[in-house]
């Protein structure tokens, strides 16, 4: 691309359109590189994070709008009440100057409420009002701190977490990758169970070795943690055994993976199909027996 496309354009870049074409080609190359990076597993969390930020944009916008309205209302209440306090001649001049500095105008009061809401230093603003002006201000700050800083912030955080989980669950690549990892971990644990049962070390488990493993409480508890109860494991061994009394590790792991969880639709259809075949053959046998009985009676 650089040799056959970009170089001729750069060589004849007497016009501004040539430079724009070069920038366009380079931008396309960057986008192509980003698409390749997107497939890397190491960037999976970054992809989910970016998608969450994009999906949470409207939630963030309306959350800020709601908080702005609440802060504005609180700032106007503080500004109006403090201005009435400033008219009181019994209040010391230093306290009046301090109150005017933080609550004297709507803009000053709004900035102070913003610091109280997001800065965490609400004590330095609340204590002078409660201790030196009126104790009734304690009710105002209790309601504001409990209702806005404690309750509303946690609700907004829960909303963002919900959006994050929704985006993560909708990421098809991440879901498939996680399912594959979970299946690999489960197969590894089953392989460990098989190795514990294979005391001879020949790669096959006999019925005696498997029964000896199931006689241990720790082994039964471990199988239960794998959602595989001992009775099902015994039935699985009987199903996998082809008559020689041994089961290989591949057969055991593959059968246990199919046994885990609920029955699949394909398994149910297969069982129904086999049952229909058995019923047809039994009907044929029943008809043959009845015909043979009729002949015997006729003789």
Protein backbone atom coordinates (compact mmCIF):
# COMPACT_ATOMS: atom_id res chain seq x y z
CA UNK A 1 0.00 0.00 0.00
CA UNK A 2 2.79 2.44 0.86
CA UNK A 3 4.80 1.52 -2.27
CA UNK A 4 2.08 1.49 -4.93
CA UNK A 5 -0.55 3.89 -3.58
CA UNK A 6 0.76 6.27 -0.92
CA UNK A 7 4.16 7.01 -2.50
CA UNK A 8 2.81 8.19 -5.90
CA UNK A 9 0.27 10.39 -4.14
CA UNK A 10 2.92 11.89 -1.87
CA UNK A 11 5.20 12.44 -4.86
CA UNK A 12 2.54 14.54 -6.57
CA UNK A 13 1.20 16.36 -3.54
CA UNK A 14 1.07 19.74 -5.16
CA UNK A 15 -2.61 20.00 -4.36
CA UNK A 16 -4.43 19.81 -1.02
CA UNK A 17 -6.57 16.88 -2.19
CA UNK A 18 -3.48 14.64 -2.34
CA UNK A 19 -2.65 15.30 1.29
CA UNK A 20 -6.23 14.56 2.25
CA UNK A 21 -6.06 11.26 0.37
CA UNK A 22 -2.86 10.32 2.22
CA UNK A 23 -4.49 11.10 5.56
CA UNK A 24 -7.51 9.03 4.54
CA UNK A 25 -5.35 6.02 3.66
CA UNK A 26 -3.49 6.28 6.94
CA UNK A 27 -6.75 6.57 8.89
CA UNK A 28 -8.07 3.45 7.15
CA UNK A 29 -4.93 1.58 8.13
CA UNK A 30 -5.38 2.63 11.77
CA UNK A 31 -8.99 1.42 11.71
CA UNK A 32 -7.87 -1.89 10.25
CA UNK A 33 -5.31 -2.27 13.02
CA UNK A 34 -7.97 -1.51 15.64
CA UNK A 35 -10.21 -4.23 14.18
CA UNK A 36 -7.38 -6.74 14.54
CA UNK A 37 -6.73 -5.65 18.14
CA UNK A 38 -10.44 -6.10 18.89
CA UNK A 39 -10.09 -9.86 18.41
CA UNK A 40 -7.36 -10.22 21.04
CA UNK A 41 -8.48 -11.72 24.32
CA UNK A 42 -6.33 -9.34 26.35
CA UNK A 43 -8.49 -6.42 25.11
CA UNK A 44 -11.81 -8.11 25.99
CA UNK A 45 -12.23 -6.13 29.21
CA UNK A 46 -11.38 -2.90 27.42
CA UNK A 47 -13.98 -3.64 24.76
CA UNK A 48 -16.63 -4.27 27.44
CA UNK A 49 -15.59 -1.07 29.25
CA UNK A 50 -15.89 1.07 26.12
CA UNK A 51 -19.23 -0.50 25.21
CA UNK A 52 -20.47 0.11 28.75
CA UNK A 53 -19.48 3.78 28.63
CA UNK A 54 -21.30 4.19 25.32
CA UNK A 55 -24.39 2.31 26.56
CA UNK A 56 -24.44 4.27 29.84
CA UNK A 57 -24.25 7.68 28.20
CA UNK A 58 -27.97 8.44 28.47
CA UNK A 59 -28.13 7.06 32.01
CA UNK A 60 -25.21 9.29 32.95
CA UNK A 61 -26.80 12.30 31.26
CA UNK A 62 -30.15 11.99 33.03
CA UNK A 63 -28.47 11.20 36.33
CA UNK A 64 -26.51 14.46 36.08
CA UNK A 65 -29.67 16.33 35.12
CA UNK A 66 -31.52 14.97 38.16
CA UNK A 67 -28.61 15.72 40.49
CA UNK A 68 -28.29 19.24 39.03
CA UNK A 69 -31.96 19.97 39.71
CA UNK A 70 -31.70 18.70 43.29
CA UNK A 71 -28.50 20.65 43.93
CA UNK A 72 -30.04 23.80 42.48
CA UNK A 73 -33.09 23.49 44.74
CA UNK A 74 -30.89 22.91 47.80
CA UNK A 75 -28.67 25.87 46.83
CA UNK A 76 -31.66 28.22 46.50
CA UNK A 77 -33.02 27.12 49.90
CA UNK A 78 -29.64 27.71 51.51
CA UNK A 79 -29.10 31.05 49.79
CA UNK A 80 -32.52 32.41 50.73
CA UNK A 81 -32.30 31.22 54.34
CA UNK A 82 -28.74 32.46 54.85
CA UNK A 83 -29.62 35.88 53.46
CA UNK A 84 -32.30 36.16 56.13
CA UNK A 85 -29.71 35.17 58.70
CA UNK A 86 -27.33 37.86 57.47
CA UNK A 87 -29.91 40.49 58.43
CA UNK A 88 -29.82 39.37 62.05
CA UNK A 89 -27.77 41.86 64.11
CA UNK A 90 -27.08 39.27 66.80
CA UNK A 91 -24.84 37.28 64.45
CA UNK A 92 -21.12 38.08 64.65
CA UNK A 93 -19.50 39.83 61.72
CA UNK A 94 -16.90 37.09 61.11
CA UNK A 95 -19.64 34.48 60.91
CA UNK A 96 -21.63 36.67 58.51
CA UNK A 97 -18.61 37.07 56.25
CA UNK A 98 -18.02 33.31 56.31
CA UNK A 99 -21.67 32.55 55.54
CA UNK A 100 -21.73 35.10 52.71
CA UNK A 101 -18.56 33.59 51.28
CA UNK A 102 -20.22 30.17 50.88
CA UNK A 103 -23.98 30.92 50.64
CA UNK A 104 -24.34 34.67 49.96
CA UNK A 105 -25.34 34.44 46.28
CA UNK A 106 -27.06 31.70 44.23
CA UNK A 107 -23.84 30.94 42.37
CA UNK A 108 -21.78 30.73 45.59
CA UNK A 109 -24.43 28.57 47.20
CA UNK A 110 -24.62 26.24 44.17
CA UNK A 111 -20.84 25.78 44.14
CA UNK A 112 -20.90 25.02 47.88
CA UNK A 113 -23.66 22.44 47.39
CA UNK A 114 -21.61 20.92 44.57
CA UNK A 115 -18.65 20.60 46.97
CA UNK A 116 -20.92 19.07 49.61
CA UNK A 117 -22.32 16.56 47.12
CA UNK A 118 -19.18 15.45 45.31
CA UNK A 119 -16.34 16.62 47.53
CA UNK A 120 -17.17 14.75 50.70
CA UNK A 121 -16.28 17.71 52.94
CA UNK A 122 -19.82 18.59 53.97
CA UNK A 123 -18.89 18.75 57.67
CA UNK A 124 -16.99 22.03 57.35
CA UNK A 125 -20.03 23.68 55.76
CA UNK A 126 -22.70 22.10 57.96
CA UNK A 127 -21.10 22.50 61.40
CA UNK A 128 -21.06 26.38 61.50
CA UNK A 129 -24.73 26.48 60.51
CA UNK A 130 -25.75 23.86 63.07
CA UNK A 131 -23.64 25.09 65.97
CA UNK A 132 -23.69 28.89 65.50
CA UNK A 133 -26.90 29.67 63.58
CA UNK A 134 -29.62 27.12 64.35
CA UNK A 135 -29.80 23.47 65.26
CA UNK A 136 -32.64 23.07 62.75
CA UNK A 137 -30.04 23.03 59.98
CA UNK A 138 -29.12 19.54 61.21
CA UNK A 139 -32.43 18.23 59.85
CA UNK A 140 -31.69 19.77 56.44
CA UNK A 141 -28.24 18.21 56.19
CA UNK A 142 -29.41 14.83 57.52
CA UNK A 143 -32.10 14.66 54.83
CA UNK A 144 -29.74 15.84 52.08
CA UNK A 145 -26.82 13.58 53.03
CA UNK A 146 -29.02 10.50 53.53
CA UNK A 147 -31.27 11.10 50.52
CA UNK A 148 -28.77 12.35 47.93
CA UNK A 149 -25.22 11.37 48.86
CA UNK A 150 -26.10 8.01 50.40
CA UNK A 151 -29.27 6.75 48.65
CA UNK A 152 -29.25 8.42 45.24
CA UNK A 153 -25.55 7.83 44.57
CA UNK A 154 -25.94 4.14 45.32
CA UNK A 155 -28.99 3.89 43.08
CA UNK A 156 -27.04 5.51 40.23
CA UNK A 157 -24.11 3.17 40.88
CA UNK A 158 -26.46 0.18 40.79
CA UNK A 159 -27.87 1.45 37.49
CA UNK A 160 -24.38 1.66 35.98
CA UNK A 161 -23.55 -1.84 37.25
CA UNK A 162 -26.78 -3.13 35.67
CA UNK A 163 -25.79 -1.57 32.33
CA UNK A 164 -22.32 -3.09 32.63
CA UNK A 165 -23.70 -6.57 33.28
CA UNK A 166 -26.17 -6.19 30.41
CA UNK A 167 -23.42 -5.16 27.99
CA UNK A 168 -21.14 -7.96 29.19
CA UNK A 169 -23.91 -10.55 28.79
CA UNK A 170 -24.68 -9.32 25.27
CA UNK A 171 -21.04 -9.56 24.15
CA UNK A 172 -21.26 -12.75 22.08
CA UNK A 173 -17.50 -13.22 21.83
CA UNK A 174 -17.02 -12.88 25.58
CA UNK A 175 -19.90 -15.30 26.30
CA UNK A 176 -18.51 -17.92 23.91
CA UNK A 177 -15.00 -17.50 25.31
CA UNK A 178 -16.26 -17.84 28.88
CA UNK A 179 -18.28 -20.95 28.00
CA UNK A 180 -15.22 -22.53 26.41
CA UNK A 181 -13.10 -21.72 29.47
CA UNK A 182 -15.74 -23.15 31.78
CA UNK A 183 -15.95 -26.33 29.73
CA UNK A 184 -12.15 -26.67 29.72
CA UNK A 185 -11.98 -26.19 33.51
CA UNK A 186 -14.72 -28.76 34.03
CA UNK A 187 -12.96 -31.26 31.74
CA UNK A 188 -9.71 -30.69 33.64
CA UNK A 189 -11.42 -31.45 36.96
CA UNK A 190 -12.96 -34.61 35.49
CA UNK A 191 -9.53 -35.62 34.27
CA UNK A 192 -8.21 -35.20 37.81
CA UNK A 193 -11.01 -37.47 39.09
CA UNK A 194 -10.11 -40.06 36.46
CA UNK A 195 -6.42 -39.95 37.40
CA UNK A 196 -7.34 -40.40 41.06
CA UNK A 197 -9.41 -43.45 40.16
CA UNK A 198 -6.76 -44.91 37.84
CA UNK A 199 -4.55 -46.42 40.52
CA UNK A 200 -2.87 -48.75 38.02
CA UNK A 201 -1.76 -45.86 35.81
CA UNK A 202 -2.58 -47.63 32.53
CA UNK A 203 -4.98 -44.94 31.28
CA UNK A 204 -8.07 -47.05 31.93
CA UNK A 205 -10.34 -47.30 34.95
CA UNK A 206 -11.79 -50.64 35.89
CA UNK A 207 -15.07 -51.14 37.69
CA UNK A 208 -13.24 -52.09 40.88
CA UNK A 209 -11.09 -48.94 40.76
CA UNK A 210 -14.14 -46.77 40.16
CA UNK A 211 -16.08 -48.35 43.02
CA UNK A 212 -13.08 -47.89 45.30
CA UNK A 213 -13.01 -44.20 44.42
CA UNK A 214 -16.72 -43.78 45.14
CA UNK A 215 -16.28 -45.42 48.56
CA UNK A 216 -14.31 -42.34 49.70
CA UNK A 217 -16.34 -39.45 51.12
CA UNK A 218 -13.97 -36.81 49.77
CA UNK A 219 -14.30 -38.20 46.24
CA UNK A 220 -18.10 -38.22 46.48
CA UNK A 221 -18.10 -34.64 47.75
CA UNK A 222 -15.81 -33.58 44.90
CA UNK A 223 -18.10 -35.24 42.35
CA UNK A 224 -21.07 -33.46 43.94
CA UNK A 225 -19.26 -30.12 43.53
CA UNK A 226 -19.00 -30.97 39.83
CA UNK A 227 -22.79 -31.51 39.69
CA UNK A 228 -22.21 -35.22 39.24
CA UNK A 229 -23.66 -37.36 42.02
CA UNK A 230 -22.10 -40.81 42.67
CA UNK A 231 -25.20 -42.68 41.45
CA UNK A 232 -25.11 -40.86 38.13
CA UNK A 233 -21.38 -41.51 37.89
CA UNK A 234 -21.98 -45.23 38.41
CA UNK A 235 -24.68 -45.24 35.75
CA UNK A 236 -22.33 -43.34 33.47
CA UNK A 237 -19.63 -45.97 33.95
CA UNK A 238 -22.14 -48.72 33.14
CA UNK A 239 -23.20 -46.88 29.97
CA UNK A 240 -19.64 -46.28 28.82
CA UNK A 241 -18.48 -49.81 29.58
CA UNK A 242 -18.53 -51.83 26.36
CA UNK A 243 -18.30 -55.15 28.16
CA UNK A 244 -14.61 -55.33 29.06
CA UNK A 245 -15.11 -53.61 32.43
CA UNK A 246 -12.83 -50.64 31.63
CA UNK A 247 -13.35 -47.03 30.54
CA UNK A 248 -10.75 -44.71 29.00
CA UNK A 249 -10.20 -41.12 30.10
CA UNK A 250 -11.58 -39.69 26.84
CA UNK A 251 -14.77 -41.74 27.14
CA UNK A 252 -15.24 -40.77 30.77
CA UNK A 253 -14.73 -37.02 30.24
CA UNK A 254 -16.89 -36.93 27.10
CA UNK A 255 -19.69 -38.87 28.78
CA UNK A 256 -19.57 -36.74 31.95
CA UNK A 257 -19.77 -33.55 29.88
CA UNK A 258 -22.92 -34.85 28.22
CA UNK A 259 -24.33 -35.94 31.57
CA UNK A 260 -23.89 -32.52 33.20
CA UNK A 261 -26.89 -30.23 33.28
CA UNK A 262 -30.33 -30.74 31.80
CA UNK A 263 -31.09 -33.03 28.91
CA UNK A 264 -30.74 -31.37 25.53
CA UNK A 265 -33.58 -31.37 23.00
CA UNK A 266 -31.55 -33.52 20.61
CA UNK A 267 -31.05 -36.13 23.35
CA UNK A 268 -34.79 -36.20 24.10
CA UNK A 269 -35.64 -36.57 20.39
CA UNK A 270 -33.09 -39.37 20.05
CA UNK A 271 -34.59 -41.22 23.03
CA UNK A 272 -38.11 -40.84 21.64
CA UNK A 273 -36.94 -42.14 18.26
CA UNK A 274 -35.32 -45.18 19.87
CA UNK A 275 -38.47 -45.83 21.91
CA UNK A 276 -40.58 -45.76 18.75
CA UNK A 277 -38.26 -48.31 17.14
CA UNK A 278 -38.52 -50.55 20.19
CA UNK A 279 -42.33 -50.29 20.17
CA UNK A 280 -42.47 -51.17 16.48
CA UNK A 281 -40.26 -54.21 16.99
CA UNK A 282 -42.28 -55.29 20.02
CA UNK A 283 -45.46 -54.95 17.99
CA UNK A 284 -43.93 -57.16 15.32
CA UNK A 285 -42.87 -59.72 17.91
CA UNK A 286 -46.34 -59.64 19.47
CA UNK A 287 -47.97 -60.21 16.06
CA UNK A 288 -45.60 -63.11 15.33
CA UNK A 289 -46.33 -64.71 18.70
CA UNK A 290 -50.08 -64.40 18.15
CA UNK A 291 -49.77 -65.96 14.69
CA UNK A 292 -47.67 -68.80 16.09
CA UNK A 293 -50.24 -69.35 18.85
CA UNK A 294 -53.04 -69.51 16.31
CA UNK A 295 -51.18 -72.15 14.31
CA UNK A 296 -50.49 -74.19 17.42
CA UNK A 297 -54.18 -74.12 18.39
CA UNK A 298 -55.18 -75.10 14.83
CA UNK A 299 -52.88 -78.11 14.95
